Amino acid sequence: MLINLEEVDKIAHLAKLSFSNNERETLAVQLANIVEYMEKLDELDTSDVKPTSHVLDLKNVFREDIVENWLTQAEVLQNAPVAKKGYFSVPKVINNTM
């Protein structure tokens, strides 16, 4: 399939790119090669091929979820520079005056 310069210009416009005349001609040839390769792949019989999202079998490894005792609120706040009403107290960093 041949890709003409109008199609290259349309693709460039969609991608918000601009090319020189030499680049446009080179891209037309390269895009035509890509489409030709895709058409060759389209000829393959893939009816027995199982759809995949990855070429390797990937499995997540999860540890067993075990409930354990954790720090109390007082222990967590023990090293806080400033704590108020059971929470960390930090300086205000957002100014709402816009």
Protein backbone atom coordinates (compact mmCIF):
# COMPACT_ATOMS: atom_id res chain seq x y z
CA MET A 1 0.00 0.00 0.00
CA LEU A 2 1.39 3.35 -0.96
CA ILE A 3 1.22 6.23 1.49
CA ASN A 4 0.98 9.59 -0.25
CA LEU A 5 2.19 12.93 1.06
CA GLU A 6 -1.36 14.03 1.93
CA GLU A 7 -1.67 11.08 4.33
CA VAL A 8 1.73 11.92 5.84
CA ASP A 9 0.57 15.52 6.31
CA LYS A 10 -2.67 14.35 7.94
CA ILE A 11 -0.78 12.05 10.34
CA ALA A 12 1.71 14.83 11.11
CA HIS A 13 -1.16 17.22 11.81
CA LEU A 14 -2.80 14.72 14.19
CA ALA A 15 0.53 14.23 15.96
CA LYS A 16 1.14 18.02 15.96
CA LEU A 17 4.42 17.57 14.09
CA SER A 18 5.90 19.37 11.13
CA PHE A 19 8.36 17.93 8.62
CA SER A 20 10.46 19.22 5.76
CA ASN A 21 9.71 17.98 2.23
CA ASN A 22 12.59 15.47 2.42
CA GLU A 23 11.34 14.14 5.76
CA ARG A 24 7.78 13.86 4.40
CA GLU A 25 8.98 11.75 1.48
CA THR A 26 11.10 9.56 3.76
CA LEU A 27 8.16 9.10 6.15
CA ALA A 28 5.85 8.16 3.28
CA VAL A 29 8.21 5.33 2.30
CA GLN A 30 8.71 4.21 5.91
CA LEU A 31 4.98 4.23 6.69
CA ALA A 32 4.27 2.28 3.51
CA ASN A 33 6.84 -0.32 4.62
CA ILE A 34 5.19 -0.59 8.02
CA VAL A 35 1.72 -1.04 6.49
CA GLU A 36 3.10 -3.64 4.08
CA TYR A 37 4.62 -5.57 6.98
CA MET A 38 1.31 -5.42 8.89
CA GLU A 39 -0.49 -6.78 5.83
CA LYS A 40 1.96 -9.71 5.75
CA LEU A 41 1.26 -10.40 9.42
CA ASP A 42 -2.45 -10.28 8.64
CA GLU A 43 -2.02 -13.29 6.33
CA LEU A 44 -0.92 -15.54 9.22
CA ASP A 45 -3.38 -18.08 10.59
CA THR A 46 -3.70 -17.21 14.26
CA SER A 47 -6.87 -19.18 14.97
CA ASP A 48 -5.00 -21.56 17.32
CA VAL A 49 -3.02 -18.82 19.06
CA LYS A 50 -4.21 -17.97 22.54
CA PRO A 51 -4.50 -14.19 23.14
CA THR A 52 -1.87 -12.85 25.49
CA SER A 53 -0.98 -9.54 27.02
CA HIS A 54 2.62 -10.58 27.65
CA VAL A 55 4.94 -13.11 26.05
CA LEU A 56 6.05 -14.51 29.42
CA ASP A 57 3.89 -16.06 32.11
CA LEU A 58 3.89 -13.45 34.84
CA LYS A 59 2.59 -14.20 38.29
CA ASN A 60 2.39 -11.97 41.33
CA VAL A 61 3.94 -13.40 44.45
CA PHE A 62 1.93 -12.47 47.49
CA ARG A 63 2.84 -13.14 51.06
CA GLU A 64 0.21 -14.49 53.37
CA ASP A 65 -1.81 -11.70 54.94
CA ILE A 66 -1.34 -12.10 58.68
CA VAL A 67 -2.84 -9.70 61.20
CA GLU A 68 -0.17 -8.60 63.67
CA ASN A 69 -0.01 -6.17 66.56
CA TRP A 70 1.30 -2.80 65.48
CA LEU A 71 2.30 0.43 67.10
CA THR A 72 -0.24 2.27 69.19
CA GLN A 73 -1.15 5.84 68.40
CA ALA A 74 0.90 7.03 71.39
CA GLU A 75 3.95 5.05 70.21
CA VAL A 76 3.66 6.49 66.71
CA LEU A 77 3.43 10.05 67.97
CA GLN A 78 6.21 9.57 70.53
CA ASN A 79 8.92 10.96 68.21
CA ALA A 80 6.75 13.59 66.49
CA PRO A 81 8.10 17.13 66.93
CA VAL A 82 4.54 18.42 67.45
CA ALA A 83 1.38 16.41 67.97
CA LYS A 84 -2.12 17.81 68.55
CA LYS A 85 -5.27 15.84 69.37
CA GLY A 86 -3.64 12.51 68.47
CA TYR A 87 -2.32 13.63 65.05
CA PHE A 88 0.94 14.94 63.61
CA SER A 89 0.92 18.73 63.48
CA VAL A 90 2.76 20.31 60.55
CA PRO A 91 3.08 23.88 59.29
CA LYS A 92 0.52 25.08 56.76
CA VAL A 93 2.00 24.90 53.25
CA ILE A 94 -0.99 25.87 51.09
CA ASN A 95 -2.20 29.43 50.90
CA ASN A 96 -5.90 29.78 50.06
CA THR A 97 -5.76 33.46 49.10
CA MET A 98 -6.08 33.36 45.34
